[in-house]
Amino acid sequence: MDYSIKNSTVEQRKELVKKALGISMSGADVPTDDTLKLARQYIEGKIELKELQEKVINKYNKNN
């Protein structure tokens, strides 16, 4: 499935984020407020999924 903003609905993006956060929480810490804000931006169509992924990965790499 193409989860770009133009090819997905808010509900589809919300479900994708919910599943991804659930998976990440099963093996790691609870997502930070910053990560949740970025996820919200993706759901609202303000940033693309690729940008969300890059920002979260960069944030994680800076913290380690």
Foldseek 3Di string as FASTA:
>chain_A
DDLWLVPDALVVLVVVVVVVQVVCVVPDPRDDPVLVVLSVCCSVNNDTPVVSVVVVVVVVVVVD
